Each structure stands twice: as structure tokens, then as C-alpha cells.
Amino acid sequence: MTESIAGWIWGRNLRAFLELLSRYAGYAFDETDWKAIEAGVQHTNDEAPNGWYSYPLVGTSATLEVVLAQAVGGEEVSVSVIGAGTPELQFRTDTLLAAFASV
């Protein structure tokens, strides 16, 4: 198992983050995925150990586990991505986190 790449993004950017990350993994992210994630993240809490939601992105290039939780009292979503096994995918994942935390 690879180390997780973790950070936070603004909640309004969650779908765009997941769509791009899915593309890098070779996964066809669609409306069904979004509805499942949107519902799953709704009652999460990044301060509770069991308050996180996990969603797999099983693509042709990589299998990623995306673990998500809303920040208590904020608009941020904490994100951890597990399975980015190549330096390129690790760099892209880290860059996406940085980009979607700043816009």
C-alpha cells in the first residue's frame, strides 16, 4: 500500500477535484459517482476518527481510495488519497489538492 496524500480543499471544488483525479486514474467518473459521494460526505466530521467517508476510484491506470470528511464549522473538505503509486500520480494528486484549496 502506498502512503496517503492528504490535505483539504474547498467543498465547492470537491466534484471538480474528483473528476480530474478520476481522469488521472483512468476512471470514468459520472453522475452516479457524484451522487454517492455527495450523499456520503453529507454527515461526515473530520474531527471524528469514524466520521470519514471512503470511495474507491478503480481505473485503468490506478486504483485510488479517496477518504473525505467535512471540516466542522467550515466549508473545507479534508481529503486523503491512498494508492497513488507512481511519482507522477503522487505529484498530480498533491497539485490538485493545492490548487483546489486556493480557488
C-alpha atoms as a PDB file:
ATOM      1  CA  MET A   1       0.000   0.000   0.000  1.00  0.00           C
ATOM      2  CA  THR A   2       1.230   3.487  -0.766  1.00  0.00           C
ATOM      3  CA  GLU A   3       1.264   6.393   1.642  1.00  0.00           C
ATOM      4  CA  SER A   4      -1.717   8.656   1.657  1.00  0.00           C
ATOM      5  CA  ILE A   5      -1.575  12.124   0.188  1.00  0.00           C
ATOM      6  CA  ALA A   6      -3.658  14.359   2.396  1.00  0.00           C
ATOM      7  CA  GLY A   7      -4.846  17.913   2.569  1.00  0.00           C
ATOM      8  CA  TRP A   8      -8.010  19.926   2.254  1.00  0.00           C
ATOM      9  CA  ILE A   9      -9.981  21.642  -0.476  1.00  0.00           C
ATOM     10  CA  TRP A  10     -12.965  23.962  -0.524  1.00  0.00           C
ATOM     11  CA  GLY A  11     -16.195  21.971  -0.576  1.00  0.00           C
ATOM     12  CA  ARG A  12     -17.373  23.810  -3.696  1.00  0.00           C
ATOM     13  CA  ASN A  13     -14.404  22.260  -5.541  1.00  0.00           C
ATOM     14  CA  LEU A  14     -14.978  18.651  -4.499  1.00  0.00           C
ATOM     15  CA  ARG A  15     -16.653  17.476  -7.705  1.00  0.00           C
ATOM     16  CA  ALA A  16     -14.049  19.087  -9.984  1.00  0.00           C
ATOM     17  CA  PHE A  17     -11.248  17.619  -7.834  1.00  0.00           C
ATOM     18  CA  LEU A  18     -12.735  14.118  -8.080  1.00  0.00           C
ATOM     19  CA  GLU A  19     -13.391  14.400 -11.817  1.00  0.00           C
ATOM     20  CA  LEU A  20      -9.769  15.344 -12.533  1.00  0.00           C
ATOM     21  CA  LEU A  21      -8.340  12.789 -10.102  1.00  0.00           C
ATOM     22  CA  SER A  22     -10.511  10.118 -11.723  1.00  0.00           C
ATOM     23  CA  ARG A  23      -9.204  11.072 -15.149  1.00  0.00           C
ATOM     24  CA  TYR A  24      -5.616  10.628 -13.924  1.00  0.00           C
ATOM     25  CA  ALA A  25      -6.539   7.168 -12.600  1.00  0.00           C
ATOM     26  CA  GLY A  26      -8.268   6.205 -15.849  1.00  0.00           C
ATOM     27  CA  TYR A  27     -11.672   6.069 -14.180  1.00  0.00           C
ATOM     28  CA  ALA A  28     -14.868   7.300 -15.874  1.00  0.00           C
ATOM     29  CA  PHE A  29     -16.357   9.425 -13.091  1.00  0.00           C
ATOM     30  CA  ASP A  30     -20.053  10.063 -13.706  1.00  0.00           C
ATOM     31  CA  GLU A  31     -23.230  11.430 -12.137  1.00  0.00           C
ATOM     32  CA  THR A  32     -23.827   8.196 -10.196  1.00  0.00           C
ATOM     33  CA  ASP A  33     -20.417   8.534  -8.549  1.00  0.00           C
ATOM     34  CA  TRP A  34     -21.096  12.152  -7.681  1.00  0.00           C
ATOM     35  CA  LYS A  35     -24.498  11.413  -6.130  1.00  0.00           C
ATOM     36  CA  ALA A  36     -22.991   8.636  -3.972  1.00  0.00           C
ATOM     37  CA  ILE A  37     -20.132  10.850  -2.803  1.00  0.00           C
ATOM     38  CA  GLU A  38     -22.358  13.863  -2.221  1.00  0.00           C
ATOM     39  CA  ALA A  39     -24.648  11.754  -0.003  1.00  0.00           C
ATOM     40  CA  GLY A  40     -21.755  10.002   1.729  1.00  0.00           C
ATOM     41  CA  VAL A  41     -19.914  13.181   2.662  1.00  0.00           C
ATOM     42  CA  GLN A  42     -23.014  14.941   3.944  1.00  0.00           C
ATOM     43  CA  HIS A  43     -22.790  13.717   7.559  1.00  0.00           C
ATOM     44  CA  THR A  44     -19.024  13.393   7.903  1.00  0.00           C
ATOM     45  CA  ASN A  45     -16.826  15.024  10.518  1.00  0.00           C
ATOM     46  CA  ASP A  46     -13.077  15.412  10.079  1.00  0.00           C
ATOM     47  CA  GLU A  47     -12.586  15.573  13.850  1.00  0.00           C
ATOM     48  CA  ALA A  48     -14.083  12.118  14.468  1.00  0.00           C
ATOM     49  CA  PRO A  49     -11.984   9.011  13.765  1.00  0.00           C
ATOM     50  CA  ASN A  50     -15.045   7.198  12.382  1.00  0.00           C
ATOM     51  CA  GLY A  51     -16.525  10.294  10.775  1.00  0.00           C
ATOM     52  CA  TRP A  52     -14.924   9.905   7.342  1.00  0.00           C
ATOM     53  CA  TYR A  53     -16.362   8.609   4.055  1.00  0.00           C
ATOM     54  CA  SER A  54     -14.341   6.412   1.708  1.00  0.00           C
ATOM     55  CA  TYR A  55     -14.919   5.989  -2.025  1.00  0.00           C
ATOM     56  CA  PRO A  56     -12.920   3.850  -4.475  1.00  0.00           C
ATOM     57  CA  LEU A  57     -11.839   5.063  -7.896  1.00  0.00           C
ATOM     58  CA  VAL A  58     -10.896   1.886  -9.758  1.00  0.00           C
ATOM     59  CA  GLY A  59      -9.399   2.992 -13.035  1.00  0.00           C
ATOM     60  CA  THR A  60      -7.332   1.533 -15.835  1.00  0.00           C
ATOM     61  CA  SER A  61      -4.176   3.312 -14.629  1.00  0.00           C
ATOM     62  CA  ALA A  62      -4.605   3.213 -10.842  1.00  0.00           C
ATOM     63  CA  THR A  63      -6.897   2.170  -8.031  1.00  0.00           C
ATOM     64  CA  LEU A  64      -7.340   5.013  -5.594  1.00  0.00           C
ATOM     65  CA  GLU A  65      -9.197   5.181  -2.304  1.00  0.00           C
ATOM     66  CA  VAL A  66     -10.437   8.694  -1.614  1.00  0.00           C
ATOM     67  CA  VAL A  67     -11.291   9.367   2.023  1.00  0.00           C
ATOM     68  CA  LEU A  68     -13.314  12.507   2.722  1.00  0.00           C
ATOM     69  CA  ALA A  69     -14.773  14.457   5.639  1.00  0.00           C
ATOM     70  CA  GLN A  70     -16.264  17.889   6.092  1.00  0.00           C
ATOM     71  CA  ALA A  71     -14.483  20.300   8.392  1.00  0.00           C
ATOM     72  CA  VAL A  72     -16.544  21.049  11.469  1.00  0.00           C
ATOM     73  CA  GLY A  73     -17.950  24.553  11.217  1.00  0.00           C
ATOM     74  CA  GLY A  74     -16.249  25.279   7.903  1.00  0.00           C
ATOM     75  CA  GLU A  75     -16.596  24.976   4.158  1.00  0.00           C
ATOM     76  CA  GLU A  76     -13.483  22.853   3.742  1.00  0.00           C
ATOM     77  CA  VAL A  77     -13.375  19.138   2.987  1.00  0.00           C
ATOM     78  CA  SER A  78     -10.455  17.136   4.320  1.00  0.00           C
ATOM     79  CA  VAL A  79      -9.136  14.704   1.719  1.00  0.00           C
ATOM     80  CA  SER A  80      -6.825  11.709   1.838  1.00  0.00           C
ATOM     81  CA  VAL A  81      -5.923   9.781  -1.316  1.00  0.00           C
ATOM     82  CA  ILE A  82      -4.434   6.308  -0.997  1.00  0.00           C
ATOM     83  CA  GLY A  83      -2.982   4.331  -3.900  1.00  0.00           C
ATOM     84  CA  ALA A  84      -1.133   6.953  -5.934  1.00  0.00           C
ATOM     85  CA  GLY A  85       1.709   4.554  -6.620  1.00  0.00           C
ATOM     86  CA  THR A  86       3.754   6.440  -9.198  1.00  0.00           C
ATOM     87  CA  PRO A  87       5.683   9.668  -8.693  1.00  0.00           C
ATOM     88  CA  GLU A  88       3.653  11.270 -11.499  1.00  0.00           C
ATOM     89  CA  LEU A  89       0.299  10.393  -9.905  1.00  0.00           C
ATOM     90  CA  GLN A  90       1.552  11.472  -6.484  1.00  0.00           C
ATOM     91  CA  PHE A  91       2.627  14.836  -7.927  1.00  0.00           C
ATOM     92  CA  ARG A  92      -0.673  15.303  -9.766  1.00  0.00           C
ATOM     93  CA  THR A  93      -2.696  14.431  -6.661  1.00  0.00           C
ATOM     94  CA  ASP A  94      -0.716  16.815  -4.485  1.00  0.00           C
ATOM     95  CA  THR A  95      -1.036  19.552  -7.114  1.00  0.00           C
ATOM     96  CA  LEU A  96      -4.810  19.078  -7.318  1.00  0.00           C
ATOM     97  CA  LEU A  97      -5.100  19.397  -3.543  1.00  0.00           C
ATOM     98  CA  ALA A  98      -3.059  22.603  -3.555  1.00  0.00           C
ATOM     99  CA  ALA A  99      -4.972  24.070  -6.489  1.00  0.00           C
ATOM    100  CA  PHE A 100      -8.446  23.352  -5.144  1.00  0.00           C
ATOM    101  CA  ALA A 101      -7.544  24.727  -1.721  1.00  0.00           C
ATOM    102  CA  SER A 102      -6.626  28.075  -3.237  1.00  0.00           C
ATOM    103  CA  VAL A 103      -9.560  28.814  -5.560  1.00  0.00           C
END
